[in-house]
Amino acid sequence: MPSCELDSTSKPVLVPQKGGESVAVIGAGISGLIAARTLQDHGFDITVFEKSRGPGGRAATRRIASGITFDHGAQYFTARDPQLISYVESWSARGIVAEWYGQFVEIQGGEVRTKSNQPRRFVGVPGMASVGRELASNLRICLEKRILRLTRSGDSWELIDAAGHEHGPFHQVLVTLPAPQSAELLGTHPFAAEAQSIPMTPCWAVMAAWERRIEVDWDGAFVQDSALAWIARNSSKPGRGSEPDCWVLHASPEWSATHLETTPDDVAGVLLQAFAQAVGVPLPPASFLAAHRWRYSLGSDPSERKVLYDRETGLLVCGDWLAGGRIEGAFLSGLRAAELLCEYSGSLSKPTKLP
């Protein structure tokens, strides 16, 4: 049976195996987690491999002290598809997500305009990481396990991690990494070229906190003609503490790409100046200031195929970059991957909506 042999630095989440058809899911972002959760609910034997210390991908929360948190990756998500809406309703009822009733504006050349016809925005409670933790519950997840190579032997797959350890065999493999990382892992498979053709842009994120409230009358801003693309008062989201006043600044894709290798301290300083210029108010010294680089932030296949599936070998690829980007795209891509496996795997039925 598939094993998760972990070194002393790994932090596994283990559940009993079900004995169904085995599937390795590489990546514990939203697409990987919803696929794994749905497949496990339908009798598959699932093992998830994640290179970082926790699940959720860019639906991430940074905690720096008691009560001080920043959603430094995905800021919120929308729910237009009925399948995601059913999950959101269930999560909302259980306090896992809540609607963000903020005031959202657009800033251009110092002029602030309220945005009209805005979608409903949802956030995890008490942080965006709550969504990933909920989807990861009761899954077997091998954390801090970076998979470097896939090998096909007969009718099964073996996975080799960065330490040289083998994992498997697995009947199917689902790759849910960002497009460039998927391309690298897929090697000579034709899907590698397809993934390589999808450009993904980086994003520098700055987390800043002040002991006193920054006096602006909005909570989130889309910024034009600036090094910044997005500004948010993290403290205005439901379930967050109001003190200190915590903000997240996202640089534009163009600025982030140009300054990809700039030091985090220098990035934080420049973007803090851009923040002061955008809001038009003097900023006191921040009580906390840090920057984080998301090397693969946004990217999207214009065809929005959702999933690549090689049925003959049991290899699938999914992710937000195959479904329009963002959290809803990641969710729908992962769900579609699960549907395909269920449709083509014997007597297992197509997934239903299972919040």
Protein backbone atom coordinates (compact mmCIF):
# COMPACT_ATOMS: atom_id res chain seq x y z
CA MET A 1 0.00 0.00 0.00
CA PRO A 2 1.20 3.58 -0.51
CA SER A 3 3.34 4.75 2.37
CA CYS A 4 4.38 8.12 3.69
CA GLU A 5 7.79 7.56 5.23
CA LEU A 6 8.67 10.89 6.76
CA ASP A 7 11.94 12.29 7.99
CA SER A 8 12.31 13.95 11.38
CA THR A 9 11.35 17.38 10.05
CA SER A 10 8.12 16.29 8.39
CA LYS A 11 4.71 16.80 9.87
CA PRO A 12 2.30 14.18 8.48
CA VAL A 13 -1.46 14.12 8.64
CA LEU A 14 -2.48 10.47 8.48
CA VAL A 15 -5.80 8.66 8.24
CA PRO A 16 -6.55 4.96 7.72
CA GLN A 17 -6.46 3.87 4.08
CA LYS A 18 -9.68 2.84 2.41
CA GLY A 19 -8.24 0.18 0.13
CA GLY A 20 -9.69 1.69 -3.05
CA GLU A 21 -7.86 2.61 -6.26
CA SER A 22 -4.73 4.51 -5.22
CA VAL A 23 -4.15 8.10 -6.32
CA ALA A 24 -1.19 10.36 -5.55
CA VAL A 25 -2.07 14.05 -5.48
CA ILE A 26 0.96 16.30 -5.83
CA GLY A 27 0.27 19.69 -4.29
CA ALA A 28 -2.03 20.65 -1.41
CA GLY A 29 -3.40 23.88 -2.81
CA ILE A 30 -7.13 24.35 -3.24
CA SER A 31 -7.33 22.34 -6.49
CA GLY A 32 -5.40 19.41 -5.04
CA LEU A 33 -7.34 19.40 -1.79
CA ILE A 34 -10.83 19.52 -3.31
CA ALA A 35 -9.86 16.76 -5.77
CA ALA A 36 -8.40 14.62 -2.99
CA ARG A 37 -11.36 15.20 -0.69
CA THR A 38 -13.90 14.36 -3.39
CA LEU A 39 -12.03 11.25 -4.53
CA GLN A 40 -11.65 9.98 -0.97
CA ASP A 41 -15.38 10.47 -0.42
CA HIS A 42 -15.91 8.18 -3.42
CA GLY A 43 -13.72 5.34 -2.23
CA PHE A 44 -10.32 6.17 -3.68
CA ASP A 45 -7.18 5.63 -1.60
CA ILE A 46 -5.59 9.10 -1.55
CA THR A 47 -2.13 10.32 -0.57
CA VAL A 48 -1.32 14.03 -0.92
CA PHE A 49 2.27 15.27 -1.18
CA GLU A 50 3.02 18.91 -0.33
CA LYS A 51 6.45 20.57 -0.32
CA SER A 52 5.56 23.29 2.21
CA ARG A 53 4.72 23.12 5.91
CA GLY A 54 0.95 23.33 5.55
CA PRO A 55 -1.96 22.90 3.14
CA GLY A 56 -3.83 25.60 1.24
CA GLY A 57 -1.31 27.00 -1.24
CA ARG A 58 -1.85 30.72 -1.79
CA ALA A 59 -4.93 30.65 0.45
CA ALA A 60 -2.46 31.41 3.20
CA THR A 61 -2.33 33.23 6.53
CA ARG A 62 0.81 34.53 8.23
CA ARG A 63 0.62 34.75 12.03
CA ILE A 64 3.30 36.87 13.66
CA ALA A 65 1.96 37.19 17.21
CA SER A 66 -1.14 36.47 19.22
CA GLY A 67 -4.03 38.07 17.36
CA ILE A 68 -1.86 39.52 14.58
CA THR A 69 -2.42 37.84 11.23
CA PHE A 70 -2.11 38.68 7.55
CA ASP A 71 -3.73 37.02 4.54
CA HIS A 72 -0.62 37.57 2.43
CA GLY A 73 -1.67 35.41 -0.52
CA ALA A 74 -5.22 35.17 -1.88
CA GLN A 75 -7.17 38.09 -0.45
CA TYR A 76 -10.69 36.71 -0.85
CA PHE A 77 -12.65 34.54 -3.23
CA THR A 78 -15.88 34.80 -5.16
CA ALA A 79 -18.44 32.07 -5.75
CA ARG A 80 -20.38 32.13 -9.00
CA ASP A 81 -20.54 28.42 -9.83
CA PRO A 82 -23.37 26.48 -8.10
CA GLN A 83 -20.96 23.75 -6.99
CA LEU A 84 -18.75 26.21 -5.12
CA ILE A 85 -21.78 28.10 -3.79
CA SER A 86 -23.02 24.92 -2.09
CA TYR A 87 -19.67 24.54 -0.33
CA VAL A 88 -19.63 28.20 0.70
CA GLU A 89 -23.09 27.90 2.22
CA SER A 90 -21.98 24.91 4.28
CA TRP A 91 -18.71 26.56 5.32
CA SER A 92 -20.52 29.76 6.28
CA ALA A 93 -22.96 27.86 8.47
CA ARG A 94 -20.01 26.31 10.33
CA GLY A 95 -18.02 29.52 10.69
CA ILE A 96 -15.22 28.49 8.32
CA VAL A 97 -15.83 31.37 5.90
CA ALA A 98 -17.74 34.64 6.06
CA GLU A 99 -18.65 37.40 3.65
CA TRP A 100 -16.36 40.41 3.69
CA TYR A 101 -18.64 43.45 3.81
CA GLY A 102 -15.88 45.94 3.09
CA GLN A 103 -15.83 49.20 1.19
CA PHE A 104 -13.93 48.69 -2.08
CA VAL A 105 -12.58 51.42 -4.30
CA GLU A 106 -10.33 52.09 -7.26
CA ILE A 107 -7.42 54.52 -6.98
CA GLN A 108 -5.89 56.19 -10.02
CA GLY A 109 -3.77 59.32 -10.00
CA GLY A 110 -4.78 60.13 -6.45
CA GLU A 111 -8.49 59.96 -7.29
CA VAL A 112 -10.57 57.46 -5.30
CA ARG A 113 -13.67 56.02 -6.95
CA THR A 114 -16.11 53.56 -5.42
CA LYS A 115 -16.44 50.41 -7.50
CA SER A 116 -19.95 49.53 -8.65
CA ASN A 117 -21.58 46.16 -9.37
CA GLN A 118 -19.22 44.39 -7.03
CA PRO A 119 -19.35 40.62 -6.44
CA ARG A 120 -19.80 39.09 -3.02
CA ARG A 121 -16.39 38.48 -1.48
CA PHE A 122 -15.73 35.63 0.95
CA VAL A 123 -12.79 35.07 3.28
CA GLY A 124 -11.68 32.27 5.55
CA VAL A 125 -12.24 32.77 9.29
CA PRO A 126 -10.12 33.59 11.22
CA GLY A 127 -7.80 33.58 8.18
CA MET A 128 -7.72 32.47 4.56
CA ALA A 129 -5.81 29.36 5.62
CA SER A 130 -9.03 28.07 7.23
CA VAL A 131 -10.33 26.99 3.81
CA GLY A 132 -7.32 24.76 3.16
CA ARG A 133 -7.40 23.33 6.68
CA GLU A 134 -11.06 22.39 6.27
CA LEU A 135 -10.48 20.66 2.94
CA ALA A 136 -7.41 18.89 4.33
CA SER A 137 -9.20 17.40 7.31
CA ASN A 138 -9.23 13.57 7.26
CA LEU A 139 -6.85 13.41 4.31
CA ARG A 140 -3.49 11.64 4.38
CA ILE A 141 -1.07 14.48 3.66
CA CYS A 142 2.72 14.21 3.58
CA LEU A 143 3.97 17.72 4.34
CA GLU A 144 7.45 19.00 3.49
CA LYS A 145 7.72 16.35 0.79
CA ARG A 146 8.82 17.76 -2.55
CA ILE A 147 8.29 15.30 -5.39
CA LEU A 148 11.02 15.63 -8.02
CA ARG A 149 10.33 12.76 -10.40
CA LEU A 150 7.56 10.47 -11.64
CA THR A 151 8.37 7.03 -13.01
CA ARG A 152 6.01 4.69 -14.80
CA SER A 153 6.44 0.93 -14.28
CA GLY A 154 3.90 -1.40 -15.84
CA ASP A 155 0.48 -0.05 -14.96
CA SER A 156 1.50 1.98 -11.92
CA TRP A 157 3.43 5.08 -10.88
CA GLU A 158 6.30 5.61 -8.44
CA LEU A 159 7.17 9.02 -6.99
CA ILE A 160 10.69 10.06 -5.97
CA ASP A 161 11.06 12.91 -3.49
CA ALA A 162 13.90 15.38 -2.92
CA ALA A 163 15.54 13.04 -0.39
CA GLY A 164 15.59 10.20 -2.92
CA HIS A 165 12.80 8.25 -1.21
CA GLU A 166 10.29 6.36 -3.33
CA HIS A 167 6.54 6.46 -2.77
CA GLY A 168 4.05 4.15 -4.41
CA PRO A 169 2.91 2.33 -6.34
CA PHE A 170 -0.11 4.42 -7.38
CA HIS A 171 -2.70 3.68 -10.04
CA GLN A 172 -3.17 7.37 -10.89
CA VAL A 173 -1.21 10.59 -10.36
CA LEU A 174 -2.78 14.05 -10.20
CA VAL A 175 -0.34 16.97 -10.54
CA THR A 176 -1.74 20.23 -9.15
CA LEU A 177 1.34 22.48 -9.12
CA PRO A 178 1.74 25.90 -10.78
CA ALA A 179 2.32 25.61 -14.53
CA PRO A 180 6.15 25.98 -14.53
CA GLN A 181 6.56 23.47 -11.69
CA SER A 182 4.13 21.08 -13.38
CA ALA A 183 6.14 21.32 -16.60
CA GLU A 184 9.37 20.50 -14.77
CA LEU A 185 7.87 17.49 -12.99
CA LEU A 186 6.17 16.12 -16.12
CA GLY A 187 9.50 15.85 -17.95
CA THR A 188 9.04 14.48 -21.48
CA HIS A 189 5.29 13.92 -21.28
CA PRO A 190 3.37 16.02 -23.84
CA PHE A 191 1.54 17.77 -20.99
CA ALA A 192 4.86 19.35 -20.00
CA ALA A 193 4.95 21.46 -23.15
CA GLU A 194 1.37 22.57 -22.57
CA ALA A 195 2.15 23.63 -19.02
CA GLN A 196 5.34 25.37 -20.13
CA SER A 197 3.34 27.47 -22.59
CA ILE A 198 1.31 29.10 -19.80
CA PRO A 199 3.08 32.18 -18.42
CA MET A 200 2.68 32.82 -14.70
CA THR A 201 3.40 36.18 -13.12
CA PRO A 202 4.93 36.77 -9.69
CA CYS A 203 3.61 38.94 -6.89
CA TRP A 204 5.42 40.67 -4.06
CA ALA A 205 3.23 40.98 -0.95
CA VAL A 206 3.97 43.34 1.92
CA MET A 207 2.52 42.90 5.41
CA ALA A 208 2.44 46.04 7.55
CA ALA A 209 0.91 46.89 10.92
CA TRP A 210 0.41 50.14 12.81
CA GLU A 211 -0.58 50.70 16.41
CA ARG A 212 -2.94 53.47 15.33
CA ARG A 213 -5.59 53.21 12.63
CA ILE A 214 -4.69 54.54 9.17
CA GLU A 215 -7.38 57.13 8.45
CA VAL A 216 -8.94 56.08 5.17
CA ASP A 217 -12.64 55.30 4.71
CA TRP A 218 -12.29 52.15 2.59
CA ASP A 219 -11.06 48.60 3.18
CA GLY A 220 -9.76 47.40 -0.18
CA ALA A 221 -8.43 49.26 -3.21
CA PHE A 222 -7.52 48.28 -6.75
CA VAL A 223 -4.65 50.60 -7.68
CA GLN A 224 -3.85 51.84 -11.18
CA ASP A 225 -0.62 53.38 -12.50
CA SER A 226 1.40 52.38 -9.46
CA ALA A 227 3.88 49.80 -8.26
CA LEU A 228 0.90 48.50 -6.30
CA ALA A 229 -2.10 46.65 -7.71
CA TRP A 230 -4.02 45.98 -4.49
CA ILE A 231 -4.23 47.39 -0.96
CA ALA A 232 -6.33 45.85 1.82
CA ARG A 233 -7.01 46.56 5.45
CA ASN A 234 -6.69 42.99 6.69
CA SER A 235 -8.17 44.03 10.04
CA SER A 236 -11.50 44.84 8.35
CA LYS A 237 -12.14 41.21 7.46
CA PRO A 238 -14.53 39.22 9.69
CA GLY A 239 -12.94 37.29 12.53
CA ARG A 240 -9.78 39.41 12.66
CA GLY A 241 -8.61 41.60 15.50
CA SER A 242 -9.01 45.35 15.02
CA GLU A 243 -5.72 46.21 16.73
CA PRO A 244 -3.10 46.70 15.51
CA ASP A 245 -4.21 48.03 12.12
CA CYS A 246 -2.95 45.35 9.70
CA TRP A 247 -2.59 45.93 5.97
CA VAL A 248 -1.56 43.79 2.98
CA LEU A 249 -0.07 45.39 -0.13
CA HIS A 250 0.24 43.48 -3.41
CA ALA A 251 2.58 44.78 -6.08
CA SER A 252 1.54 44.74 -9.72
CA PRO A 253 2.65 41.77 -11.83
CA GLU A 254 4.90 44.02 -13.92
CA TRP A 255 6.62 45.59 -10.91
CA SER A 256 6.99 42.21 -9.23
CA ALA A 257 8.61 40.68 -12.31
CA THR A 258 11.04 43.58 -12.67
CA HIS A 259 12.02 43.36 -8.99
CA LEU A 260 11.80 39.60 -8.62
CA GLU A 261 15.26 39.25 -7.05
CA THR A 262 15.18 42.46 -5.00
CA THR A 263 15.66 41.87 -1.28
CA PRO A 264 12.48 41.64 0.83
CA ASP A 265 13.53 44.63 2.97
CA ASP A 266 14.02 46.83 -0.08
CA VAL A 267 10.72 45.69 -1.57
CA ALA A 268 8.90 46.47 1.67
CA GLY A 269 10.35 49.98 1.79
CA VAL A 270 9.47 50.85 -1.81
CA LEU A 271 5.93 49.47 -1.61
CA LEU A 272 5.32 51.23 1.70
CA GLN A 273 6.15 54.52 -0.04
CA ALA A 274 3.76 53.60 -2.86
CA PHE A 275 1.09 52.90 -0.23
CA ALA A 276 1.57 56.34 1.35
CA GLN A 277 1.33 57.97 -2.07
CA ALA A 278 -1.81 56.02 -2.99
CA VAL A 279 -3.72 56.78 0.22
CA GLY A 280 -2.55 60.37 0.41
CA VAL A 281 -2.09 60.42 4.17
CA PRO A 282 1.11 60.48 6.24
CA LEU A 283 2.12 57.10 7.61
CA PRO A 284 3.69 56.75 11.06
CA PRO A 285 6.47 54.16 11.49
CA ALA A 286 5.07 50.64 11.12
CA SER A 287 5.20 48.37 14.15
CA PHE A 288 5.66 45.39 11.81
CA LEU A 289 6.84 45.27 8.21
CA ALA A 290 7.77 42.27 6.06
CA ALA A 291 7.63 41.18 2.43
CA HIS A 292 6.88 37.80 0.87
CA ARG A 293 7.49 36.78 -2.74
CA TRP A 294 4.97 34.63 -4.56
CA ARG A 295 7.00 33.45 -7.53
CA TYR A 296 3.99 31.89 -9.29
CA SER A 297 0.96 34.01 -8.50
CA LEU A 298 -1.29 34.37 -11.53
CA GLY A 299 -1.53 32.59 -14.84
CA SER A 300 -4.27 31.20 -17.00
CA ASP A 301 -4.75 28.99 -20.04
CA PRO A 302 -7.12 30.99 -22.29
CA SER A 303 -8.90 27.78 -23.29
CA GLU A 304 -9.85 27.15 -19.62
CA ARG A 305 -9.82 23.36 -20.13
CA LYS A 306 -9.78 22.80 -16.35
CA VAL A 307 -7.97 19.42 -16.60
CA LEU A 308 -5.43 17.57 -18.74
CA TYR A 309 -6.04 13.81 -18.59
CA ASP A 310 -3.97 11.00 -20.10
CA ARG A 311 -6.36 8.14 -19.47
CA GLU A 312 -3.98 5.51 -20.86
CA THR A 313 -1.33 6.15 -18.21
CA GLY A 314 -3.51 7.55 -15.44
CA LEU A 315 -1.85 10.98 -15.39
CA LEU A 316 -3.88 14.12 -14.71
CA VAL A 317 -2.95 17.78 -14.40
CA CYS A 318 -5.17 20.45 -12.88
CA GLY A 319 -4.89 23.85 -11.20
CA ASP A 320 -6.15 27.40 -11.30
CA TRP A 321 -3.99 28.12 -14.36
CA LEU A 322 -6.19 25.71 -16.34
CA ALA A 323 -9.44 27.32 -15.19
CA GLY A 324 -9.19 31.08 -15.35
CA GLY A 325 -7.01 31.57 -12.29
CA ARG A 326 -7.98 32.48 -8.74
CA ILE A 327 -9.54 30.33 -6.03
CA GLU A 328 -12.80 29.57 -7.81
CA GLY A 329 -10.86 28.37 -10.84
CA ALA A 330 -8.67 26.17 -8.64
CA PHE A 331 -11.74 24.68 -6.98
CA LEU A 332 -13.52 23.93 -10.27
CA SER A 333 -10.38 22.48 -11.85
CA GLY A 334 -9.80 20.11 -8.93
CA LEU A 335 -13.44 19.10 -8.85
CA ARG A 336 -13.40 18.36 -12.57
CA ALA A 337 -10.31 16.18 -12.16
CA ALA A 338 -12.13 14.17 -9.50
CA GLU A 339 -15.17 13.85 -11.76
CA LEU A 340 -13.06 12.48 -14.60
CA LEU A 341 -11.44 9.85 -12.40
CA CYS A 342 -14.79 8.79 -11.02
CA GLU A 343 -16.35 8.60 -14.48
CA TYR A 344 -13.56 6.38 -15.83
CA SER A 345 -12.93 4.16 -12.81
CA GLY A 346 -15.19 1.15 -12.86
CA SER A 347 -18.32 1.27 -10.76
CA LEU A 348 -17.53 4.51 -8.95
CA SER A 349 -20.16 7.12 -9.61
CA LYS A 350 -19.71 10.74 -10.62
CA PRO A 351 -19.24 13.00 -7.59
CA THR A 352 -22.22 14.82 -6.22
CA LYS A 353 -22.10 18.12 -4.37
CA LEU A 354 -20.67 17.19 -1.00
CA PRO A 355 -19.97 20.27 1.15
